[in-house]
Amino acid sequence: MKKFILAITLVMASTAAFAQEQTPCENVQELAFTIMKVRQSGVPMVKMYKVAKGEKAVEQMVIAAYDMPQFNTESIKQRTIQDFADNMFLQCVKQQG
């Protein structure tokens, strides 16, 4: 559980580094993937919300992830994680276009 919180913290902290290699929407997709992966692993929302540290866009992504159920079946977890990340990417692309 701690390594997932560390992972999301690193993703948030390294957004500037990713910007050189990825588009902003790719960064959103990667962050969304990590947030939902953490959610599906059972990390309490309060911990994830604290990690967001007042970043409104990240807080909204955490809220969206925790609005979805946590699943028990590994294949459904993986599909949910990917679908969430893809949906966040799609929303980002639509907002930019």
PDB file of N, CA and C in Angstrom:
ATOM      1  N   MET A   1       0.821  -1.178   0.000  1.00  0.00           N
ATOM      2  CA  MET A   1       0.000   0.000   0.000  1.00  0.00           C
ATOM      3  C   MET A   1       0.875   1.255   0.000  1.00  0.00           C
ATOM      4  N   LYS A   2       1.920   1.265   0.784  1.00  0.00           N
ATOM      5  CA  LYS A   2       2.809   2.424   0.824  1.00  0.00           C
ATOM      6  C   LYS A   2       3.485   2.658  -0.521  1.00  0.00           C
ATOM      7  N   LYS A   3       3.818   1.577  -1.229  1.00  0.00           N
ATOM      8  CA  LYS A   3       4.488   1.772  -2.514  1.00  0.00           C
ATOM      9  C   LYS A   3       3.554   2.384  -3.535  1.00  0.00           C
ATOM     10  N   PHE A   4       2.236   2.136  -3.425  1.00  0.00           N
ATOM     11  CA  PHE A   4       1.298   2.769  -4.331  1.00  0.00           C
ATOM     12  C   PHE A   4       1.187   4.260  -4.038  1.00  0.00           C
ATOM     13  N   ILE A   5       1.164   4.627  -2.766  1.00  0.00           N
ATOM     14  CA  ILE A   5       1.115   6.040  -2.404  1.00  0.00           C
ATOM     15  C   ILE A   5       2.391   6.724  -2.859  1.00  0.00           C
ATOM     16  N   LEU A   6       3.508   6.066  -2.691  1.00  0.00           N
ATOM     17  CA  LEU A   6       4.773   6.609  -3.171  1.00  0.00           C
ATOM     18  C   LEU A   6       4.736   6.765  -4.689  1.00  0.00           C
ATOM     19  N   ALA A   7       4.174   5.794  -5.378  1.00  0.00           N
ATOM     20  CA  ALA A   7       4.105   5.848  -6.840  1.00  0.00           C
ATOM     21  C   ALA A   7       3.301   7.054  -7.304  1.00  0.00           C
ATOM     22  N   ILE A   8       2.171   7.284  -6.683  1.00  0.00           N
ATOM     23  CA  ILE A   8       1.356   8.418  -7.112  1.00  0.00           C
ATOM     24  C   ILE A   8       2.034   9.733  -6.763  1.00  0.00           C
ATOM     25  N   THR A   9       2.711   9.779  -5.643  1.00  0.00           N
ATOM     26  CA  THR A   9       3.450  10.978  -5.269  1.00  0.00           C
ATOM     27  C   THR A   9       4.546  11.260  -6.288  1.00  0.00           C
ATOM     28  N   LEU A  10       5.245  10.219  -6.699  1.00  0.00           N
ATOM     29  CA  LEU A  10       6.299  10.395  -7.696  1.00  0.00           C
ATOM     30  C   LEU A  10       5.733  10.836  -9.036  1.00  0.00           C
ATOM     31  N   VAL A  11       4.592  10.282  -9.413  1.00  0.00           N
ATOM     32  CA  VAL A  11       3.969  10.678 -10.677  1.00  0.00           C
ATOM     33  C   VAL A  11       3.596  12.155 -10.631  1.00  0.00           C
ATOM     34  N   MET A  12       3.017  12.585  -9.524  1.00  0.00           N
ATOM     35  CA  MET A  12       2.626  13.985  -9.394  1.00  0.00           C
ATOM     36  C   MET A  12       3.850  14.897  -9.374  1.00  0.00           C
ATOM     37  N   ALA A  13       4.891  14.481  -8.670  1.00  0.00           N
ATOM     38  CA  ALA A  13       6.087  15.310  -8.530  1.00  0.00           C
ATOM     39  C   ALA A  13       6.883  15.405  -9.821  1.00  0.00           C
ATOM     40  N   SER A  14       6.765  14.406 -10.662  1.00  0.00           N
ATOM     41  CA  SER A  14       7.585  14.389 -11.867  1.00  0.00           C
ATOM     42  C   SER A  14       6.829  14.808 -13.112  1.00  0.00           C
ATOM     43  N   THR A  15       5.710  15.494 -12.950  1.00  0.00           N
ATOM     44  CA  THR A  15       4.922  15.933 -14.099  1.00  0.00           C
ATOM     45  C   THR A  15       5.764  16.782 -15.049  1.00  0.00           C
ATOM     46  N   ALA A  16       6.613  17.624 -14.496  1.00  0.00           N
ATOM     47  CA  ALA A  16       7.458  18.473 -15.345  1.00  0.00           C
ATOM     48  C   ALA A  16       8.412  17.637 -16.186  1.00  0.00           C
ATOM     49  N   ALA A  17       8.957  16.585 -15.599  1.00  0.00           N
ATOM     50  CA  ALA A  17       9.867  15.716 -16.347  1.00  0.00           C
ATOM     51  C   ALA A  17       9.129  14.985 -17.459  1.00  0.00           C
ATOM     52  N   PHE A  18       7.908  14.541 -17.181  1.00  0.00           N
ATOM     53  CA  PHE A  18       7.129  13.849 -18.197  1.00  0.00           C
ATOM     54  C   PHE A  18       6.742  14.778 -19.333  1.00  0.00           C
ATOM     55  N   ALA A  19       6.559  16.055 -19.011  1.00  0.00           N
ATOM     56  CA  ALA A  19       6.109  17.001 -20.023  1.00  0.00           C
ATOM     57  C   ALA A  19       7.067  17.070 -21.211  1.00  0.00           C
ATOM     58  N   GLN A  20       8.326  16.794 -20.967  1.00  0.00           N
ATOM     59  CA  GLN A  20       9.297  16.815 -22.042  1.00  0.00           C
ATOM     60  C   GLN A  20       9.117  15.633 -22.988  1.00  0.00           C
ATOM     61  N   GLU A  21       8.632  14.533 -22.473  1.00  0.00           N
ATOM     62  CA  GLU A  21       8.525  13.315 -23.257  1.00  0.00           C
ATOM     63  C   GLU A  21       7.091  12.973 -23.655  1.00  0.00           C
ATOM     64  N   GLN A  22       6.104  13.444 -22.898  1.00  0.00           N
ATOM     65  CA  GLN A  22       4.723  13.084 -23.138  1.00  0.00           C
ATOM     66  C   GLN A  22       3.857  14.331 -23.273  1.00  0.00           C
ATOM     67  N   THR A  23       2.721  14.163 -23.924  1.00  0.00           N
ATOM     68  CA  THR A  23       1.762  15.252 -23.998  1.00  0.00           C
ATOM     69  C   THR A  23       1.066  15.388 -22.654  1.00  0.00           C
ATOM     70  N   PRO A  24       0.432  16.526 -22.384  1.00  0.00           N
ATOM     71  CA  PRO A  24      -0.304  16.681 -21.127  1.00  0.00           C
ATOM     72  C   PRO A  24      -1.370  15.602 -20.936  1.00  0.00           C
ATOM     73  N   CYS A  25      -2.046  15.224 -21.996  1.00  0.00           N
ATOM     74  CA  CYS A  25      -3.089  14.196 -21.878  1.00  0.00           C
ATOM     75  C   CYS A  25      -2.497  12.817 -21.591  1.00  0.00           C
ATOM     76  N   GLU A  26      -1.307  12.553 -22.092  1.00  0.00           N
ATOM     77  CA  GLU A  26      -0.637  11.296 -21.743  1.00  0.00           C
ATOM     78  C   GLU A  26      -0.275  11.293 -20.257  1.00  0.00           C
ATOM     79  N   ASN A  27       0.103  12.450 -19.727  1.00  0.00           N
ATOM     80  CA  ASN A  27       0.384  12.559 -18.298  1.00  0.00           C
ATOM     81  C   ASN A  27      -0.875  12.313 -17.476  1.00  0.00           C
ATOM     82  N   VAL A  28      -1.988  12.864 -17.933  1.00  0.00           N
ATOM     83  CA  VAL A  28      -3.278  12.656 -17.262  1.00  0.00           C
ATOM     84  C   VAL A  28      -3.621  11.174 -17.267  1.00  0.00           C
ATOM     85  N   GLN A  29      -3.440  10.524 -18.401  1.00  0.00           N
ATOM     86  CA  GLN A  29      -3.752   9.098 -18.516  1.00  0.00           C
ATOM     87  C   GLN A  29      -2.907   8.276 -17.561  1.00  0.00           C
ATOM     88  N   GLU A  30      -1.633   8.590 -17.478  1.00  0.00           N
ATOM     89  CA  GLU A  30      -0.733   7.851 -16.589  1.00  0.00           C
ATOM     90  C   GLU A  30      -1.109   8.053 -15.124  1.00  0.00           C
ATOM     91  N   LEU A  31      -1.428   9.281 -14.762  1.00  0.00           N
ATOM     92  CA  LEU A  31      -1.829   9.570 -13.396  1.00  0.00           C
ATOM     93  C   LEU A  31      -3.144   8.867 -13.066  1.00  0.00           C
ATOM     94  N   ALA A  32      -4.095   8.903 -13.993  1.00  0.00           N
ATOM     95  CA  ALA A  32      -5.380   8.233 -13.796  1.00  0.00           C
ATOM     96  C   ALA A  32      -5.188   6.731 -13.610  1.00  0.00           C
ATOM     97  N   PHE A  33      -4.305   6.145 -14.399  1.00  0.00           N
ATOM     98  CA  PHE A  33      -4.004   4.714 -14.281  1.00  0.00           C
ATOM     99  C   PHE A  33      -3.505   4.408 -12.872  1.00  0.00           C
ATOM    100  N   THR A  34      -2.580   5.225 -12.383  1.00  0.00           N
ATOM    101  CA  THR A  34      -2.003   5.005 -11.060  1.00  0.00           C
ATOM    102  C   THR A  34      -3.049   5.179  -9.963  1.00  0.00           C
ATOM    103  N   ILE A  35      -3.854   6.214 -10.074  1.00  0.00           N
ATOM    104  CA  ILE A  35      -4.883   6.458  -9.054  1.00  0.00           C
ATOM    105  C   ILE A  35      -5.867   5.297  -8.987  1.00  0.00           C
ATOM    106  N   MET A  36      -6.332   4.823 -10.139  1.00  0.00           N
ATOM    107  CA  MET A  36      -7.296   3.717 -10.111  1.00  0.00           C
ATOM    108  C   MET A  36      -6.633   2.421  -9.659  1.00  0.00           C
ATOM    109  N   LYS A  37      -5.387   2.219  -9.993  1.00  0.00           N
ATOM    110  CA  LYS A  37      -4.680   1.027  -9.525  1.00  0.00           C
ATOM    111  C   LYS A  37      -4.610   1.030  -7.999  1.00  0.00           C
ATOM    112  N   VAL A  38      -4.318   2.183  -7.440  1.00  0.00           N
ATOM    113  CA  VAL A  38      -4.267   2.322  -5.983  1.00  0.00           C
ATOM    114  C   VAL A  38      -5.657   2.084  -5.394  1.00  0.00           C
ATOM    115  N   ARG A  39      -6.670   2.654  -6.037  1.00  0.00           N
ATOM    116  CA  ARG A  39      -8.041   2.476  -5.561  1.00  0.00           C
ATOM    117  C   ARG A  39      -8.426   0.989  -5.564  1.00  0.00           C
ATOM    118  N   GLN A  40      -8.092   0.291  -6.644  1.00  0.00           N
ATOM    119  CA  GLN A  40      -8.435  -1.119  -6.756  1.00  0.00           C
ATOM    120  C   GLN A  40      -7.629  -1.994  -5.789  1.00  0.00           C
ATOM    121  N   SER A  41      -6.516  -1.474  -5.288  1.00  0.00           N
ATOM    122  CA  SER A  41      -5.724  -2.248  -4.329  1.00  0.00           C
ATOM    123  C   SER A  41      -6.232  -2.086  -2.896  1.00  0.00           C
ATOM    124  N   GLY A  42      -7.185  -1.180  -2.695  1.00  0.00           N
ATOM    125  CA  GLY A  42      -7.809  -1.061  -1.383  1.00  0.00           C
ATOM    126  C   GLY A  42      -7.301   0.070  -0.503  1.00  0.00           C
ATOM    127  N   VAL A  43      -6.500   0.967  -1.042  1.00  0.00           N
ATOM    128  CA  VAL A  43      -6.020   2.107  -0.263  1.00  0.00           C
ATOM    129  C   VAL A  43      -7.218   3.000   0.062  1.00  0.00           C
ATOM    130  N   PRO A  44      -7.364   3.411   1.323  1.00  0.00           N
ATOM    131  CA  PRO A  44      -8.482   4.278   1.683  1.00  0.00           C
ATOM    132  C   PRO A  44      -8.435   5.624   0.963  1.00  0.00           C
ATOM    133  N   MET A  45      -9.606   6.153   0.632  1.00  0.00           N
ATOM    134  CA  MET A  45      -9.690   7.406  -0.104  1.00  0.00           C
ATOM    135  C   MET A  45      -9.020   8.548   0.640  1.00  0.00           C
ATOM    136  N   VAL A  46      -9.154   8.585   1.948  1.00  0.00           N
ATOM    137  CA  VAL A  46      -8.583   9.692   2.714  1.00  0.00           C
ATOM    138  C   VAL A  46      -7.072   9.796   2.492  1.00  0.00           C
ATOM    139  N   LYS A  47      -6.403   8.675   2.360  1.00  0.00           N
ATOM    140  CA  LYS A  47      -4.960   8.693   2.103  1.00  0.00           C
ATOM    141  C   LYS A  47      -4.664   9.241   0.712  1.00  0.00           C
ATOM    142  N   MET A  48      -5.445   8.826  -0.260  1.00  0.00           N
ATOM    143  CA  MET A  48      -5.234   9.309  -1.623  1.00  0.00           C
ATOM    144  C   MET A  48      -5.544  10.798  -1.730  1.00  0.00           C
ATOM    145  N   TYR A  49      -6.575  11.226  -1.042  1.00  0.00           N
ATOM    146  CA  TYR A  49      -6.960  12.632  -1.089  1.00  0.00           C
ATOM    147  C   TYR A  49      -5.872  13.506  -0.475  1.00  0.00           C
ATOM    148  N   LYS A  50      -5.242  13.007   0.593  1.00  0.00           N
ATOM    149  CA  LYS A  50      -4.135  13.746   1.210  1.00  0.00           C
ATOM    150  C   LYS A  50      -2.941  13.828   0.265  1.00  0.00           C
ATOM    151  N   VAL A  51      -2.702  12.784  -0.491  1.00  0.00           N
ATOM    152  CA  VAL A  51      -1.590  12.772  -1.448  1.00  0.00           C
ATOM    153  C   VAL A  51      -1.808  13.826  -2.532  1.00  0.00           C
ATOM    154  N   ALA A  52      -3.069  14.095  -2.871  1.00  0.00           N
ATOM    155  CA  ALA A  52      -3.381  15.093  -3.899  1.00  0.00           C
ATOM    156  C   ALA A  52      -2.935  16.499  -3.485  1.00  0.00           C
ATOM    157  N   LYS A  53      -2.798  16.729  -2.205  1.00  0.00           N
ATOM    158  CA  LYS A  53      -2.235  17.980  -1.653  1.00  0.00           C
ATOM    159  C   LYS A  53      -2.860  19.248  -2.224  1.00  0.00           C
ATOM    160  N   GLY A  54      -4.176  19.269  -2.343  1.00  0.00           N
ATOM    161  CA  GLY A  54      -4.841  20.480  -2.794  1.00  0.00           C
ATOM    162  C   GLY A  54      -4.829  20.715  -4.291  1.00  0.00           C
ATOM    163  N   GLU A  55      -4.235  19.816  -5.058  1.00  0.00           N
ATOM    164  CA  GLU A  55      -4.260  19.930  -6.523  1.00  0.00           C
ATOM    165  C   GLU A  55      -5.667  19.553  -6.986  1.00  0.00           C
ATOM    166  N   LYS A  56      -6.458  20.559  -7.378  1.00  0.00           N
ATOM    167  CA  LYS A  56      -7.875  20.340  -7.689  1.00  0.00           C
ATOM    168  C   LYS A  56      -8.106  19.269  -8.751  1.00  0.00           C
ATOM    169  N   ALA A  57      -7.331  19.275  -9.807  1.00  0.00           N
ATOM    170  CA  ALA A  57      -7.526  18.295 -10.874  1.00  0.00           C
ATOM    171  C   ALA A  57      -7.262  16.877 -10.362  1.00  0.00           C
ATOM    172  N   VAL A  58      -6.253  16.728  -9.526  1.00  0.00           N
ATOM    173  CA  VAL A  58      -5.930  15.410  -8.976  1.00  0.00           C
ATOM    174  C   VAL A  58      -7.002  14.997  -7.967  1.00  0.00           C
ATOM    175  N   GLU A  59      -7.456  15.948  -7.151  1.00  0.00           N
ATOM    176  CA  GLU A  59      -8.535  15.640  -6.202  1.00  0.00           C
ATOM    177  C   GLU A  59      -9.776  15.158  -6.947  1.00  0.00           C
ATOM    178  N   GLN A  60     -10.115  15.811  -8.051  1.00  0.00           N
ATOM    179  CA  GLN A  60     -11.277  15.404  -8.837  1.00  0.00           C
ATOM    180  C   GLN A  60     -11.095  14.008  -9.424  1.00  0.00           C
ATOM    181  N   MET A  61      -9.876  13.689  -9.826  1.00  0.00           N
ATOM    182  CA  MET A  61      -9.595  12.367 -10.356  1.00  0.00           C
ATOM    183  C   MET A  61      -9.724  11.306  -9.259  1.00  0.00           C
ATOM    184  N   VAL A  62      -9.258  11.631  -8.060  1.00  0.00           N
ATOM    185  CA  VAL A  62      -9.394  10.715  -6.920  1.00  0.00           C
ATOM    186  C   VAL A  62     -10.872  10.491  -6.616  1.00  0.00           C
ATOM    187  N   ILE A  63     -11.650  11.562  -6.599  1.00  0.00           N
ATOM    188  CA  ILE A  63     -13.089  11.438  -6.342  1.00  0.00           C
ATOM    189  C   ILE A  63     -13.740  10.551  -7.401  1.00  0.00           C
ATOM    190  N   ALA A  64     -13.400  10.774  -8.655  1.00  0.00           N
ATOM    191  CA  ALA A  64     -13.969   9.958  -9.739  1.00  0.00           C
ATOM    192  C   ALA A  64     -13.596   8.490  -9.582  1.00  0.00           C
ATOM    193  N   ALA A  65     -12.357   8.228  -9.189  1.00  0.00           N
ATOM    194  CA  ALA A  65     -11.917   6.839  -9.007  1.00  0.00           C
ATOM    195  C   ALA A  65     -12.668   6.165  -7.864  1.00  0.00           C
ATOM    196  N   TYR A  66     -12.870   6.892  -6.773  1.00  0.00           N
ATOM    197  CA  TYR A  66     -13.539   6.304  -5.619  1.00  0.00           C
ATOM    198  C   TYR A  66     -15.057   6.290  -5.754  1.00  0.00           C
ATOM    199  N   ASP A  67     -15.590   6.943  -6.778  1.00  0.00           N
ATOM    200  CA  ASP A  67     -17.010   6.811  -7.106  1.00  0.00           C
ATOM    201  C   ASP A  67     -17.291   5.449  -7.728  1.00  0.00           C
ATOM    202  N   MET A  68     -16.246   4.808  -8.211  1.00  0.00           N
ATOM    203  CA  MET A  68     -16.378   3.493  -8.836  1.00  0.00           C
ATOM    204  C   MET A  68     -16.126   2.411  -7.789  1.00  0.00           C
ATOM    205  N   PRO A  69     -16.735   1.251  -7.953  1.00  0.00           N
ATOM    206  CA  PRO A  69     -16.536   0.180  -6.972  1.00  0.00           C
ATOM    207  C   PRO A  69     -15.143  -0.435  -7.047  1.00  0.00           C
ATOM    208  N   GLN A  70     -14.751  -1.017  -5.931  1.00  0.00           N
ATOM    209  CA  GLN A  70     -13.520  -1.803  -5.880  1.00  0.00           C
ATOM    210  C   GLN A  70     -13.914  -3.253  -6.178  1.00  0.00           C
ATOM    211  N   PHE A  71     -13.193  -3.872  -7.082  1.00  0.00           N
ATOM    212  CA  PHE A  71     -13.534  -5.227  -7.506  1.00  0.00           C
ATOM    213  C   PHE A  71     -12.584  -6.252  -6.897  1.00  0.00           C
ATOM    214  N   ASN A  72     -13.037  -7.510  -6.857  1.00  0.00           N
ATOM    215  CA  ASN A  72     -12.237  -8.600  -6.300  1.00  0.00           C
ATOM    216  C   ASN A  72     -11.505  -9.394  -7.372  1.00  0.00           C
ATOM    217  N   THR A  73     -12.098  -9.514  -8.537  1.00  0.00           N
ATOM    218  CA  THR A  73     -11.532 -10.314  -9.609  1.00  0.00           C
ATOM    219  C   THR A  73     -10.420  -9.536 -10.315  1.00  0.00           C
ATOM    220  N   GLU A  74      -9.258 -10.155 -10.438  1.00  0.00           N
ATOM    221  CA  GLU A  74      -8.097  -9.474 -11.008  1.00  0.00           C
ATOM    222  C   GLU A  74      -8.351  -8.970 -12.425  1.00  0.00           C
ATOM    223  N   SER A  75      -9.000  -9.764 -13.250  1.00  0.00           N
ATOM    224  CA  SER A  75      -9.250  -9.338 -14.630  1.00  0.00           C
ATOM    225  C   SER A  75     -10.182  -8.125 -14.678  1.00  0.00           C
ATOM    226  N   ILE A  76     -11.166  -8.074 -13.795  1.00  0.00           N
ATOM    227  CA  ILE A  76     -12.078  -6.928 -13.756  1.00  0.00           C
ATOM    228  C   ILE A  76     -11.345  -5.708 -13.210  1.00  0.00           C
ATOM    229  N   LYS A  77     -10.479  -5.893 -12.231  1.00  0.00           N
ATOM    230  CA  LYS A  77      -9.672  -4.790 -11.716  1.00  0.00           C
ATOM    231  C   LYS A  77      -8.838  -4.176 -12.838  1.00  0.00           C
ATOM    232  N   GLN A  78      -8.155  -5.018 -13.594  1.00  0.00           N
ATOM    233  CA  GLN A  78      -7.293  -4.537 -14.673  1.00  0.00           C
ATOM    234  C   GLN A  78      -8.095  -3.802 -15.748  1.00  0.00           C
ATOM    235  N   ARG A  79      -9.262  -4.331 -16.098  1.00  0.00           N
ATOM    236  CA  ARG A  79     -10.118  -3.686 -17.092  1.00  0.00           C
ATOM    237  C   ARG A  79     -10.616  -2.332 -16.580  1.00  0.00           C
ATOM    238  N   THR A  80     -10.984  -2.275 -15.298  1.00  0.00           N
ATOM    239  CA  THR A  80     -11.460  -1.038 -14.679  1.00  0.00           C
ATOM    240  C   THR A  80     -10.357   0.015 -14.660  1.00  0.00           C
ATOM    241  N   ILE A  81      -9.152  -0.399 -14.322  1.00  0.00           N
ATOM    242  CA  ILE A  81      -8.001   0.508 -14.292  1.00  0.00           C
ATOM    243  C   ILE A  81      -7.767   1.091 -15.684  1.00  0.00           C
ATOM    244  N   GLN A  82      -7.725   0.235 -16.694  1.00  0.00           N
ATOM    245  CA  GLN A  82      -7.463   0.700 -18.054  1.00  0.00           C
ATOM    246  C   GLN A  82      -8.596   1.570 -18.578  1.00  0.00           C
ATOM    247  N   ASP A  83      -9.835   1.172 -18.314  1.00  0.00           N
ATOM    248  CA  ASP A  83     -10.978   1.965 -18.767  1.00  0.00           C
ATOM    249  C   ASP A  83     -10.980   3.356 -18.135  1.00  0.00           C
ATOM    250  N   PHE A  84     -10.660   3.430 -16.858  1.00  0.00           N
ATOM    251  CA  PHE A  84     -10.616   4.720 -16.164  1.00  0.00           C
ATOM    252  C   PHE A  84      -9.529   5.611 -16.774  1.00  0.00           C
ATOM    253  N   ALA A  85      -8.364   5.047 -16.983  1.00  0.00           N
ATOM    254  CA  ALA A  85      -7.258   5.815 -17.575  1.00  0.00           C
ATOM    255  C   ALA A  85      -7.616   6.280 -18.980  1.00  0.00           C
ATOM    256  N   ASP A  86      -8.212   5.404 -19.769  1.00  0.00           N
ATOM    257  CA  ASP A  86      -8.614   5.770 -21.126  1.00  0.00           C
ATOM    258  C   ASP A  86      -9.676   6.870 -21.119  1.00  0.00           C
ATOM    259  N   ASN A  87     -10.625   6.778 -20.189  1.00  0.00           N
ATOM    260  CA  ASN A  87     -11.676   7.781 -20.081  1.00  0.00           C
ATOM    261  C   ASN A  87     -11.098   9.145 -19.699  1.00  0.00           C
ATOM    262  N   MET A  88     -10.150   9.172 -18.778  1.00  0.00           N
ATOM    263  CA  MET A  88      -9.521  10.434 -18.387  1.00  0.00           C
ATOM    264  C   MET A  88      -8.724  11.029 -19.556  1.00  0.00           C
ATOM    265  N   PHE A  89      -8.066  10.175 -20.318  1.00  0.00           N
ATOM    266  CA  PHE A  89      -7.343  10.631 -21.509  1.00  0.00           C
ATOM    267  C   PHE A  89      -8.325  11.236 -22.513  1.00  0.00           C
ATOM    268  N   LEU A  90      -9.429  10.544 -22.739  1.00  0.00           N
ATOM    269  CA  LEU A  90     -10.446  11.014 -23.679  1.00  0.00           C
ATOM    270  C   LEU A  90     -10.994  12.377 -23.256  1.00  0.00           C
ATOM    271  N   GLN A  91     -11.307  12.527 -21.980  1.00  0.00           N
ATOM    272  CA  GLN A  91     -11.817  13.814 -21.493  1.00  0.00           C
ATOM    273  C   GLN A  91     -10.783  14.914 -21.703  1.00  0.00           C
ATOM    274  N   CYS A  92      -9.538  14.623 -21.455  1.00  0.00           N
ATOM    275  CA  CYS A  92      -8.462  15.593 -21.652  1.00  0.00           C
ATOM    276  C   CYS A  92      -8.357  16.009 -23.111  1.00  0.00           C
ATOM    277  N   VAL A  93      -8.366  15.047 -23.992  1.00  0.00           N
ATOM    278  CA  VAL A  93      -8.262  15.332 -25.422  1.00  0.00           C
ATOM    279  C   VAL A  93      -9.441  16.182 -25.884  1.00  0.00           C
ATOM    280  N   LYS A  94     -10.626  15.866 -25.424  1.00  0.00           N
ATOM    281  CA  LYS A  94     -11.815  16.638 -25.793  1.00  0.00           C
ATOM    282  C   LYS A  94     -11.711  18.074 -25.298  1.00  0.00           C
ATOM    283  N   GLN A  95     -11.174  18.269 -24.114  1.00  0.00           N
ATOM    284  CA  GLN A  95     -11.034  19.618 -23.569  1.00  0.00           C
ATOM    285  C   GLN A  95      -9.998  20.435 -24.347  1.00  0.00           C
ATOM    286  N   GLN A  96      -8.980  19.757 -24.838  1.00  0.00           N
ATOM    287  CA  GLN A  96      -7.943  20.468 -25.587  1.00  0.00           C
ATOM    288  C   GLN A  96      -8.377  20.771 -27.022  1.00  0.00           C
ATOM    289  N   GLY A  97      -9.254  19.935 -27.548  1.00  0.00           N
ATOM    290  CA  GLY A  97      -9.616  20.063 -28.950  1.00  0.00           C
ATOM    291  C   GLY A  97     -10.693  21.029 -29.165  1.00  0.00           C
TER     292      GLY A  97
END
